[in-house]
Amino acid sequence: LGYMSAPWAREQGLMTAAVRIVTDFAFARGAQRVEICVHPDNAASRKVAEKAGFTFEGIRRNGEVLRGEVRDLAVYSAIPEEH
């Protein structure tokens, strides 16, 4: 699950609410896992994942290549039994 917020919409809880709604929607339709991967230094995105009830699983080293740069990812997940 990925997300991006307009500057005017930040720090209002809107993204956290949206992540919860999309996650509930996925689980209601049979998904067994929803995953959020963010840059480890992106404190705002990590906060959204945590406030939405996702569990931090760890750092996926060299988890993605973005614009030619290999980067780590902070991995969060939610499963139906814990959500």
PDB file of N, CA and C in Angstrom:
ATOM      1  N   LEU A   1       0.860  -1.166   0.000  1.00  0.00           N
ATOM      2  CA  LEU A   1       0.000   0.000   0.000  1.00  0.00           C
ATOM      3  C   LEU A   1       0.901   1.222   0.000  1.00  0.00           C
ATOM      4  N   GLY A   2       0.669   2.128  -0.906  1.00  0.00           N
ATOM      5  CA  GLY A   2       1.454   3.352  -0.966  1.00  0.00           C
ATOM      6  C   GLY A   2       0.561   4.568  -0.836  1.00  0.00           C
ATOM      7  N   TYR A   3       1.129   5.645  -0.360  1.00  0.00           N
ATOM      8  CA  TYR A   3       0.344   6.864  -0.188  1.00  0.00           C
ATOM      9  C   TYR A   3       1.235   8.095  -0.263  1.00  0.00           C
ATOM     10  N   MET A   4       0.598   9.203  -0.627  1.00  0.00           N
ATOM     11  CA  MET A   4       1.261  10.496  -0.680  1.00  0.00           C
ATOM     12  C   MET A   4       0.211  11.549  -0.346  1.00  0.00           C
ATOM     13  N   SER A   5       0.603  12.525   0.423  1.00  0.00           N
ATOM     14  CA  SER A   5      -0.353  13.532   0.868  1.00  0.00           C
ATOM     15  C   SER A   5       0.054  14.922   0.386  1.00  0.00           C
ATOM     16  N   ALA A   6      -0.938  15.711   0.005  1.00  0.00           N
ATOM     17  CA  ALA A   6      -0.690  17.107  -0.337  1.00  0.00           C
ATOM     18  C   ALA A   6      -0.283  17.857   0.934  1.00  0.00           C
ATOM     19  N   PRO A   7       0.593  18.837   0.819  1.00  0.00           N
ATOM     20  CA  PRO A   7       1.044  19.564   2.011  1.00  0.00           C
ATOM     21  C   PRO A   7      -0.096  20.131   2.861  1.00  0.00           C
ATOM     22  N   TRP A   8      -1.150  20.614   2.239  1.00  0.00           N
ATOM     23  CA  TRP A   8      -2.250  21.210   3.001  1.00  0.00           C
ATOM     24  C   TRP A   8      -3.038  20.175   3.795  1.00  0.00           C
ATOM     25  N   ALA A   9      -2.904  18.891   3.451  1.00  0.00           N
ATOM     26  CA  ALA A   9      -3.692  17.836   4.101  1.00  0.00           C
ATOM     27  C   ALA A   9      -2.919  17.095   5.190  1.00  0.00           C
ATOM     28  N   ARG A  10      -1.710  17.502   5.450  1.00  0.00           N
ATOM     29  CA  ARG A  10      -0.871  16.783   6.410  1.00  0.00           C
ATOM     30  C   ARG A  10      -1.214  17.135   7.851  1.00  0.00           C
ATOM     31  N   GLU A  11      -0.891  16.198   8.741  1.00  0.00           N
ATOM     32  CA  GLU A  11      -1.052  16.358  10.193  1.00  0.00           C
ATOM     33  C   GLU A  11      -2.498  16.597  10.619  1.00  0.00           C
ATOM     34  N   GLN A  12      -3.432  16.001   9.887  1.00  0.00           N
ATOM     35  CA  GLN A  12      -4.847  16.094  10.239  1.00  0.00           C
ATOM     36  C   GLN A  12      -5.461  14.723  10.479  1.00  0.00           C
ATOM     37  N   GLY A  13      -4.658  13.676  10.320  1.00  0.00           N
ATOM     38  CA  GLY A  13      -5.163  12.320  10.494  1.00  0.00           C
ATOM     39  C   GLY A  13      -5.869  11.764   9.272  1.00  0.00           C
ATOM     40  N   LEU A  14      -5.878  12.511   8.185  1.00  0.00           N
ATOM     41  CA  LEU A  14      -6.589  12.071   6.983  1.00  0.00           C
ATOM     42  C   LEU A  14      -5.957  10.832   6.360  1.00  0.00           C
ATOM     43  N   MET A  15      -4.631  10.802   6.268  1.00  0.00           N
ATOM     44  CA  MET A  15      -3.972   9.661   5.645  1.00  0.00           C
ATOM     45  C   MET A  15      -4.106   8.420   6.515  1.00  0.00           C
ATOM     46  N   THR A  16      -4.000   8.578   7.816  1.00  0.00           N
ATOM     47  CA  THR A  16      -4.187   7.435   8.715  1.00  0.00           C
ATOM     48  C   THR A  16      -5.586   6.853   8.536  1.00  0.00           C
ATOM     49  N   ALA A  17      -6.587   7.712   8.477  1.00  0.00           N
ATOM     50  CA  ALA A  17      -7.965   7.246   8.277  1.00  0.00           C
ATOM     51  C   ALA A  17      -8.110   6.544   6.930  1.00  0.00           C
ATOM     52  N   ALA A  18      -7.503   7.102   5.894  1.00  0.00           N
ATOM     53  CA  ALA A  18      -7.590   6.496   4.562  1.00  0.00           C
ATOM     54  C   ALA A  18      -6.919   5.122   4.537  1.00  0.00           C
ATOM     55  N   VAL A  19      -5.771   4.993   5.185  1.00  0.00           N
ATOM     56  CA  VAL A  19      -5.073   3.699   5.235  1.00  0.00           C
ATOM     57  C   VAL A  19      -5.932   2.671   5.961  1.00  0.00           C
ATOM     58  N   ARG A  20      -6.566   3.073   7.047  1.00  0.00           N
ATOM     59  CA  ARG A  20      -7.447   2.147   7.778  1.00  0.00           C
ATOM     60  C   ARG A  20      -8.617   1.688   6.904  1.00  0.00           C
ATOM     61  N   ILE A  21      -9.219   2.613   6.181  1.00  0.00           N
ATOM     62  CA  ILE A  21     -10.364   2.283   5.325  1.00  0.00           C
ATOM     63  C   ILE A  21      -9.947   1.318   4.215  1.00  0.00           C
ATOM     64  N   VAL A  22      -8.843   1.603   3.550  1.00  0.00           N
ATOM     65  CA  VAL A  22      -8.375   0.733   2.463  1.00  0.00           C
ATOM     66  C   VAL A  22      -7.993  -0.642   3.006  1.00  0.00           C
ATOM     67  N   THR A  23      -7.367  -0.682   4.171  1.00  0.00           N
ATOM     68  CA  THR A  23      -6.982  -1.961   4.780  1.00  0.00           C
ATOM     69  C   THR A  23      -8.218  -2.773   5.147  1.00  0.00           C
ATOM     70  N   ASP A  24      -9.202  -2.137   5.760  1.00  0.00           N
ATOM     71  CA  ASP A  24     -10.457  -2.830   6.083  1.00  0.00           C
ATOM     72  C   ASP A  24     -11.125  -3.370   4.819  1.00  0.00           C
ATOM     73  N   PHE A  25     -11.119  -2.573   3.762  1.00  0.00           N
ATOM     74  CA  PHE A  25     -11.691  -2.977   2.480  1.00  0.00           C
ATOM     75  C   PHE A  25     -10.979  -4.226   1.949  1.00  0.00           C
ATOM     76  N   ALA A  26      -9.655  -4.222   2.011  1.00  0.00           N
ATOM     77  CA  ALA A  26      -8.881  -5.370   1.519  1.00  0.00           C
ATOM     78  C   ALA A  26      -9.187  -6.624   2.325  1.00  0.00           C
ATOM     79  N   PHE A  27      -9.243  -6.501   3.646  1.00  0.00           N
ATOM     80  CA  PHE A  27      -9.519  -7.665   4.485  1.00  0.00           C
ATOM     81  C   PHE A  27     -10.944  -8.172   4.290  1.00  0.00           C
ATOM     82  N   ALA A  28     -11.883  -7.275   4.087  1.00  0.00           N
ATOM     83  CA  ALA A  28     -13.276  -7.678   3.864  1.00  0.00           C
ATOM     84  C   ALA A  28     -13.425  -8.478   2.570  1.00  0.00           C
ATOM     85  N   ARG A  29     -12.473  -8.312   1.673  1.00  0.00           N
ATOM     86  CA  ARG A  29     -12.516  -9.028   0.401  1.00  0.00           C
ATOM     87  C   ARG A  29     -11.537 -10.194   0.347  1.00  0.00           C
ATOM     88  N   GLY A  30     -11.022 -10.589   1.502  1.00  0.00           N
ATOM     89  CA  GLY A  30     -10.222 -11.803   1.581  1.00  0.00           C
ATOM     90  C   GLY A  30      -8.719 -11.655   1.593  1.00  0.00           C
ATOM     91  N   ALA A  31      -8.207 -10.439   1.563  1.00  0.00           N
ATOM     92  CA  ALA A  31      -6.749 -10.278   1.625  1.00  0.00           C
ATOM     93  C   ALA A  31      -6.234 -10.836   2.947  1.00  0.00           C
ATOM     94  N   GLN A  32      -5.088 -11.473   2.909  1.00  0.00           N
ATOM     95  CA  GLN A  32      -4.491 -12.044   4.108  1.00  0.00           C
ATOM     96  C   GLN A  32      -3.341 -11.208   4.649  1.00  0.00           C
ATOM     97  N   ARG A  33      -2.957 -10.178   3.893  1.00  0.00           N
ATOM     98  CA  ARG A  33      -1.853  -9.325   4.322  1.00  0.00           C
ATOM     99  C   ARG A  33      -1.908  -8.023   3.531  1.00  0.00           C
ATOM    100  N   VAL A  34      -1.648  -6.922   4.221  1.00  0.00           N
ATOM    101  CA  VAL A  34      -1.451  -5.630   3.570  1.00  0.00           C
ATOM    102  C   VAL A  34      -0.090  -5.138   4.042  1.00  0.00           C
ATOM    103  N   GLU A  35       0.716  -4.673   3.111  1.00  0.00           N
ATOM    104  CA  GLU A  35       2.083  -4.274   3.429  1.00  0.00           C
ATOM    105  C   GLU A  35       2.311  -2.826   3.030  1.00  0.00           C
ATOM    106  N   ILE A  36       3.035  -2.116   3.872  1.00  0.00           N
ATOM    107  CA  ILE A  36       3.469  -0.749   3.586  1.00  0.00           C
ATOM    108  C   ILE A  36       4.988  -0.746   3.663  1.00  0.00           C
ATOM    109  N   CYS A  37       5.633  -0.242   2.617  1.00  0.00           N
ATOM    110  CA  CYS A  37       7.088  -0.116   2.593  1.00  0.00           C
ATOM    111  C   CYS A  37       7.431   1.352   2.366  1.00  0.00           C
ATOM    112  N   VAL A  38       8.236   1.910   3.257  1.00  0.00           N
ATOM    113  CA  VAL A  38       8.589   3.327   3.166  1.00  0.00           C
ATOM    114  C   VAL A  38      10.095   3.495   3.357  1.00  0.00           C
ATOM    115  N   HIS A  39      10.608   4.629   2.923  1.00  0.00           N
ATOM    116  CA  HIS A  39      12.012   4.927   3.168  1.00  0.00           C
ATOM    117  C   HIS A  39      12.212   5.030   4.680  1.00  0.00           C
ATOM    118  N   PRO A  40      13.252   4.409   5.210  1.00  0.00           N
ATOM    119  CA  PRO A  40      13.454   4.415   6.663  1.00  0.00           C
ATOM    120  C   PRO A  40      13.525   5.807   7.293  1.00  0.00           C
ATOM    121  N   ASP A  41      13.942   6.812   6.540  1.00  0.00           N
ATOM    122  CA  ASP A  41      14.045   8.171   7.079  1.00  0.00           C
ATOM    123  C   ASP A  41      12.749   8.970   6.972  1.00  0.00           C
ATOM    124  N   ASN A  42      11.704   8.395   6.380  1.00  0.00           N
ATOM    125  CA  ASN A  42      10.443   9.106   6.194  1.00  0.00           C
ATOM    126  C   ASN A  42       9.580   8.949   7.451  1.00  0.00           C
ATOM    127  N   ALA A  43       9.854   9.795   8.430  1.00  0.00           N
ATOM    128  CA  ALA A  43       9.177   9.695   9.729  1.00  0.00           C
ATOM    129  C   ALA A  43       7.667   9.857   9.610  1.00  0.00           C
ATOM    130  N   ALA A  44       7.204  10.732   8.735  1.00  0.00           N
ATOM    131  CA  ALA A  44       5.761  10.963   8.601  1.00  0.00           C
ATOM    132  C   ALA A  44       5.050   9.716   8.074  1.00  0.00           C
ATOM    133  N   SER A  45       5.613   9.073   7.062  1.00  0.00           N
ATOM    134  CA  SER A  45       4.986   7.860   6.519  1.00  0.00           C
ATOM    135  C   SER A  45       5.041   6.713   7.515  1.00  0.00           C
ATOM    136  N   ARG A  46       6.120   6.625   8.262  1.00  0.00           N
ATOM    137  CA  ARG A  46       6.226   5.582   9.283  1.00  0.00           C
ATOM    138  C   ARG A  46       5.180   5.807  10.372  1.00  0.00           C
ATOM    139  N   LYS A  47       4.968   7.060  10.737  1.00  0.00           N
ATOM    140  CA  LYS A  47       3.968   7.396  11.758  1.00  0.00           C
ATOM    141  C   LYS A  47       2.566   7.008  11.290  1.00  0.00           C
ATOM    142  N   VAL A  48       2.253   7.254  10.028  1.00  0.00           N
ATOM    143  CA  VAL A  48       0.948   6.863   9.479  1.00  0.00           C
ATOM    144  C   VAL A  48       0.756   5.357   9.612  1.00  0.00           C
ATOM    145  N   ALA A  49       1.758   4.581   9.195  1.00  0.00           N
ATOM    146  CA  ALA A  49       1.655   3.119   9.270  1.00  0.00           C
ATOM    147  C   ALA A  49       1.420   2.664  10.710  1.00  0.00           C
ATOM    148  N   GLU A  50       2.172   3.221  11.635  1.00  0.00           N
ATOM    149  CA  GLU A  50       2.048   2.829  13.040  1.00  0.00           C
ATOM    150  C   GLU A  50       0.694   3.228  13.620  1.00  0.00           C
ATOM    151  N   LYS A  51       0.250   4.448  13.331  1.00  0.00           N
ATOM    152  CA  LYS A  51      -1.046   4.901  13.853  1.00  0.00           C
ATOM    153  C   LYS A  51      -2.213   4.133  13.238  1.00  0.00           C
ATOM    154  N   ALA A  52      -2.015   3.603  12.028  1.00  0.00           N
ATOM    155  CA  ALA A  52      -3.062   2.813  11.372  1.00  0.00           C
ATOM    156  C   ALA A  52      -3.069   1.368  11.863  1.00  0.00           C
ATOM    157  N   GLY A  53      -2.171   1.034  12.786  1.00  0.00           N
ATOM    158  CA  GLY A  53      -2.177  -0.294  13.386  1.00  0.00           C
ATOM    159  C   GLY A  53      -1.277  -1.316  12.718  1.00  0.00           C
ATOM    160  N   PHE A  54      -0.409  -0.880  11.837  1.00  0.00           N
ATOM    161  CA  PHE A  54       0.511  -1.796  11.175  1.00  0.00           C
ATOM    162  C   PHE A  54       1.684  -2.117  12.100  1.00  0.00           C
ATOM    163  N   THR A  55       2.251  -3.306  11.924  1.00  0.00           N
ATOM    164  CA  THR A  55       3.372  -3.777  12.730  1.00  0.00           C
ATOM    165  C   THR A  55       4.671  -3.597  11.955  1.00  0.00           C
ATOM    166  N   PHE A  56       5.661  -3.008  12.604  1.00  0.00           N
ATOM    167  CA  PHE A  56       6.976  -2.857  11.985  1.00  0.00           C
ATOM    168  C   PHE A  56       7.662  -4.215  11.961  1.00  0.00           C
ATOM    169  N   GLU A  57       8.052  -4.656  10.773  1.00  0.00           N
ATOM    170  CA  GLU A  57       8.701  -5.960  10.621  1.00  0.00           C
ATOM    171  C   GLU A  57      10.212  -5.864  10.537  1.00  0.00           C
ATOM    172  N   GLY A  58      10.719  -4.734  10.076  1.00  0.00           N
ATOM    173  CA  GLY A  58      12.168  -4.584   9.969  1.00  0.00           C
ATOM    174  C   GLY A  58      12.551  -3.810   8.724  1.00  0.00           C
ATOM    175  N   ILE A  59      13.848  -3.781   8.476  1.00  0.00           N
ATOM    176  CA  ILE A  59      14.384  -3.079   7.317  1.00  0.00           C
ATOM    177  C   ILE A  59      14.711  -4.098   6.229  1.00  0.00           C
ATOM    178  N   ARG A  60      14.144  -3.891   5.058  1.00  0.00           N
ATOM    179  CA  ARG A  60      14.473  -4.716   3.893  1.00  0.00           C
ATOM    180  C   ARG A  60      15.658  -4.040   3.201  1.00  0.00           C
ATOM    181  N   ARG A  61      16.833  -4.603   3.397  1.00  0.00           N
ATOM    182  CA  ARG A  61      18.039  -4.003   2.839  1.00  0.00           C
ATOM    183  C   ARG A  61      18.031  -4.107   1.319  1.00  0.00           C
ATOM    184  N   ASN A  62      18.437  -3.007   0.677  1.00  0.00           N
ATOM    185  CA  ASN A  62      18.435  -2.933  -0.792  1.00  0.00           C
ATOM    186  C   ASN A  62      17.073  -3.342  -1.347  1.00  0.00           C
ATOM    187  N   GLY A  63      16.022  -2.850  -0.704  1.00  0.00           N
ATOM    188  CA  GLY A  63      14.661  -3.275  -1.025  1.00  0.00           C
ATOM    189  C   GLY A  63      14.068  -2.707  -2.293  1.00  0.00           C
ATOM    190  N   GLU A  64      14.644  -1.638  -2.816  1.00  0.00           N
ATOM    191  CA  GLU A  64      14.108  -1.077  -4.055  1.00  0.00           C
ATOM    192  C   GLU A  64      15.188  -0.297  -4.785  1.00  0.00           C
ATOM    193  N   VAL A  65      14.935  -0.088  -6.056  1.00  0.00           N
ATOM    194  CA  VAL A  65      15.772   0.790  -6.865  1.00  0.00           C
ATOM    195  C   VAL A  65      14.863   1.917  -7.327  1.00  0.00           C
ATOM    196  N   LEU A  66      15.221   3.137  -6.960  1.00  0.00           N
ATOM    197  CA  LEU A  66      14.423   4.307  -7.322  1.00  0.00           C
ATOM    198  C   LEU A  66      15.329   5.308  -8.024  1.00  0.00           C
ATOM    199  N   ARG A  67      14.997   5.600  -9.271  1.00  0.00           N
ATOM    200  CA  ARG A  67      15.803   6.515 -10.089  1.00  0.00           C
ATOM    201  C   ARG A  67      17.284   6.122 -10.083  1.00  0.00           C
ATOM    202  N   GLY A  68      17.532   4.814 -10.199  1.00  0.00           N
ATOM    203  CA  GLY A  68      18.892   4.309 -10.282  1.00  0.00           C
ATOM    204  C   GLY A  68      19.612   4.156  -8.953  1.00  0.00           C
ATOM    205  N   GLU A  69      18.962   4.507  -7.860  1.00  0.00           N
ATOM    206  CA  GLU A  69      19.570   4.411  -6.530  1.00  0.00           C
ATOM    207  C   GLU A  69      18.977   3.229  -5.764  1.00  0.00           C
ATOM    208  N   VAL A  70      19.839   2.370  -5.241  1.00  0.00           N
ATOM    209  CA  VAL A  70      19.395   1.241  -4.426  1.00  0.00           C
ATOM    210  C   VAL A  70      19.146   1.759  -3.013  1.00  0.00           C
ATOM    211  N   ARG A  71      17.946   1.469  -2.489  1.00  0.00           N
ATOM    212  CA  ARG A  71      17.563   2.005  -1.176  1.00  0.00           C
ATOM    213  C   ARG A  71      16.989   0.912  -0.288  1.00  0.00           C
ATOM    214  N   ASP A  72      17.159   1.115   1.010  1.00  0.00           N
ATOM    215  CA  ASP A  72      16.515   0.245   1.992  1.00  0.00           C
ATOM    216  C   ASP A  72      15.055   0.653   2.136  1.00  0.00           C
ATOM    217  N   LEU A  73      14.245  -0.248   2.690  1.00  0.00           N
ATOM    218  CA  LEU A  73      12.838   0.029   2.962  1.00  0.00           C
ATOM    219  C   LEU A  73      12.492  -0.396   4.384  1.00  0.00           C
ATOM    220  N   ALA A  74      11.709   0.412   5.066  1.00  0.00           N
ATOM    221  CA  ALA A  74      11.114   0.007   6.336  1.00  0.00           C
ATOM    222  C   ALA A  74       9.803  -0.691   5.988  1.00  0.00           C
ATOM    223  N   VAL A  75       9.630  -1.908   6.483  1.00  0.00           N
ATOM    224  CA  VAL A  75       8.479  -2.737   6.114  1.00  0.00           C
ATOM    225  C   VAL A  75       7.510  -2.845   7.288  1.00  0.00           C
ATOM    226  N   TYR A  76       6.246  -2.535   7.005  1.00  0.00           N
ATOM    227  CA  TYR A  76       5.154  -2.657   7.973  1.00  0.00           C
ATOM    228  C   TYR A  76       4.106  -3.581   7.377  1.00  0.00           C
ATOM    229  N   SER A  77       3.397  -4.317   8.230  1.00  0.00           N
ATOM    230  CA  SER A  77       2.337  -5.179   7.715  1.00  0.00           C
ATOM    231  C   SER A  77       1.149  -5.197   8.666  1.00  0.00           C
ATOM    232  N   ALA A  78       0.021  -5.583   8.091  1.00  0.00           N
ATOM    233  CA  ALA A  78      -1.196  -5.841   8.869  1.00  0.00           C
ATOM    234  C   ALA A  78      -1.766  -7.149   8.358  1.00  0.00           C
ATOM    235  N   ILE A  79      -2.269  -7.959   9.280  1.00  0.00           N
ATOM    236  CA  ILE A  79      -2.952  -9.196   8.914  1.00  0.00           C
ATOM    237  C   ILE A  79      -4.317  -9.181   9.591  1.00  0.00           C
ATOM    238  N   PRO A  80      -5.286  -9.883   9.017  1.00  0.00           N
ATOM    239  CA  PRO A  80      -6.657  -9.799   9.542  1.00  0.00           C
ATOM    240  C   PRO A  80      -6.772 -10.121  11.032  1.00  0.00           C
ATOM    241  N   GLU A  81      -6.021 -11.104  11.503  1.00  0.00           N
ATOM    242  CA  GLU A  81      -6.136 -11.523  12.902  1.00  0.00           C
ATOM    243  C   GLU A  81      -5.703 -10.447  13.890  1.00  0.00           C
ATOM    244  N   GLU A  82      -4.893  -9.514  13.447  1.00  0.00           N
ATOM    245  CA  GLU A  82      -4.373  -8.476  14.341  1.00  0.00           C
ATOM    246  C   GLU A  82      -4.958  -7.103  14.073  1.00  0.00           C
ATOM    247  N   HIS A  83      -5.773  -6.990  13.046  1.00  0.00           N
ATOM    248  CA  HIS A  83      -6.245  -5.658  12.652  1.00  0.00           C
ATOM    249  C   HIS A  83      -7.593  -5.354  13.274  1.00  0.00           C
TER     250      HIS A  83
END
